Protein backbone atom coordinates (compact mmCIF):
# COMPACT_ATOMS: atom_id res chain seq x y z
CA MET A 1 -55.48 27.68 211.21
CA LEU A 2 -53.32 26.58 208.35
CA GLY A 3 -51.37 29.78 208.08
CA LEU A 4 -53.46 30.89 205.13
CA ALA A 5 -54.20 34.48 204.25
CA ASP A 6 -57.84 35.55 204.36
CA VAL A 7 -57.90 35.84 200.58
CA GLN A 8 -56.79 32.19 200.26
CA VAL A 9 -59.47 30.98 202.68
CA ALA A 10 -62.08 33.08 200.89
CA ARG A 11 -61.14 31.60 197.52
CA ARG A 12 -61.15 28.04 198.86
CA ALA A 13 -64.59 28.62 200.39
CA GLY A 14 -65.93 30.21 197.20
CA LEU A 15 -66.45 33.60 198.82
CA THR A 16 -65.32 37.10 197.97
CA GLU A 17 -62.54 38.46 200.15
CA ARG A 18 -64.86 41.22 201.37
CA ARG A 19 -67.62 38.81 202.40
CA TYR A 20 -65.16 36.54 204.21
CA GLY A 21 -63.60 39.60 205.85
CA ASN A 22 -67.01 40.55 207.25
CA TYR A 23 -67.25 37.13 208.91
CA VAL A 24 -63.74 37.35 210.32
CA ALA A 25 -64.34 40.84 211.68
CA GLY A 26 -67.65 39.80 213.26
CA ILE A 27 -69.64 42.26 211.16
CA ARG A 28 -71.79 39.44 209.78
CA GLU A 29 -72.40 35.82 210.74
CA PRO A 30 -72.32 33.09 208.11
CA ASP A 31 -75.26 30.75 207.65
CA LEU A 32 -74.66 27.03 208.18
CA LEU A 33 -73.78 26.30 204.55
CA ILE A 34 -71.17 29.08 204.46
CA LEU A 35 -69.81 28.02 207.86
CA VAL A 36 -69.29 24.50 206.52
CA LYS A 37 -67.55 25.86 203.39
CA ILE A 38 -65.22 27.97 205.55
CA THR A 39 -64.40 25.12 207.91
CA THR A 40 -63.74 22.83 204.94
CA ALA A 41 -61.38 25.43 203.50
CA LEU A 42 -59.61 25.56 206.87
CA SER A 43 -59.57 21.74 207.25
CA THR A 44 -61.42 21.89 210.54
CA THR A 45 -64.94 21.44 211.87
CA PRO A 46 -67.55 24.03 212.79
CA ASN A 47 -67.25 23.02 216.45
CA ARG A 48 -63.50 23.51 216.50
CA LEU A 49 -63.72 26.82 214.66
CA LEU A 50 -66.32 28.04 217.15
CA GLY A 51 -64.37 26.71 220.13
CA ILE A 52 -66.93 24.08 221.06
CA GLY A 53 -65.78 20.72 222.39
CA ASP A 54 -62.14 19.82 221.86
CA ALA A 55 -59.39 22.15 222.93
CA PRO A 56 -58.53 24.62 220.16
CA GLY A 57 -55.68 23.53 217.97
CA THR A 58 -56.03 19.80 218.68
CA LEU A 59 -56.63 17.69 215.61
CA ASP A 60 -57.33 14.01 215.30
CA GLU A 61 -55.04 12.02 213.03
CA LYS A 62 -57.26 12.23 209.93
CA ALA A 63 -57.78 15.98 210.37
CA THR A 64 -54.02 16.43 210.69
CA TYR A 65 -53.43 14.71 207.36
CA ILE A 66 -56.16 16.76 205.72
CA ALA A 67 -54.64 19.95 207.14
CA ILE A 68 -51.22 19.00 205.78
CA LEU A 69 -52.63 18.29 202.32
CA SER A 70 -54.65 21.51 202.32
CA ALA A 71 -51.61 23.54 203.30
CA ALA A 72 -49.52 21.79 200.64
CA GLU A 73 -51.99 22.90 197.96
CA THR A 74 -50.98 26.50 198.59
CA LEU A 75 -47.26 25.90 198.08
CA PRO A 76 -45.38 26.33 194.81
CA VAL A 77 -43.69 23.23 193.38
CA GLU A 78 -40.23 24.36 194.54
CA ASP A 79 -41.44 24.51 198.15
CA LEU A 80 -43.15 21.14 197.85
CA GLU A 81 -39.85 19.65 196.66
CA SER A 82 -38.14 21.12 199.74
CA VAL A 83 -40.84 19.71 202.01
CA LEU A 84 -40.43 16.28 200.42
CA ILE A 85 -36.68 16.39 201.02
CA GLN A 86 -37.29 17.30 204.67
CA ILE A 87 -39.81 14.49 205.10
CA GLU A 88 -37.43 11.97 203.58
CA ALA A 89 -34.62 13.17 205.87
CA LEU A 90 -36.89 12.85 208.89
CA ALA A 91 -37.92 9.35 207.83
CA ARG A 92 -34.24 8.30 207.49
CA HIS A 93 -33.47 9.84 210.88
CA ARG A 94 -36.39 8.05 212.54
CA ALA A 95 -35.38 4.75 210.94
CA LYS A 96 -32.01 5.00 212.73
CA LYS A 97 -33.57 5.63 216.16
CA PRO A 98 -35.51 3.15 218.26
CA LYS A 99 -39.23 3.81 217.96
CA ARG A 100 -40.92 5.80 220.72
CA ARG A 101 -44.54 5.77 221.58
CA ARG A 102 -46.57 8.61 220.13
CA ASP A 103 -47.32 10.06 223.58
CA GLU A 104 -43.59 10.46 224.28
CA TYR A 105 -43.12 13.21 221.67
C-alpha cells in the first residue's frame, strides 16, 4: 500500500518476516490484534485492507497524511531532502496559479 517491502511491513508490525509472509500468502490468517498491527504499519484500516466498504486505494485526508508520514519514515535523509525540495517547488508553482477546487484535480 505504501510501496513497502514485506520485511519493512513485518518490522513495523512487530512480526517476523516469515510470519508476515504466511499472512500475505494466505497460509495463515492473523488474529484481530495482529490484523490491527499490520494495518497500522500500512497506514490503513482493517476494512480497507480486507476490501470492505470504501473502494480500494481511496484514503480520507487524515489517512493520506498518515500514509505520507509512514512512507517518509522509510526514506534516507538524502531522499527526504529531495522530497522537501520537490514539495517547496510545488508550493511555489501553486502559489503562482489561481486556486482550483480539490475536485478539479
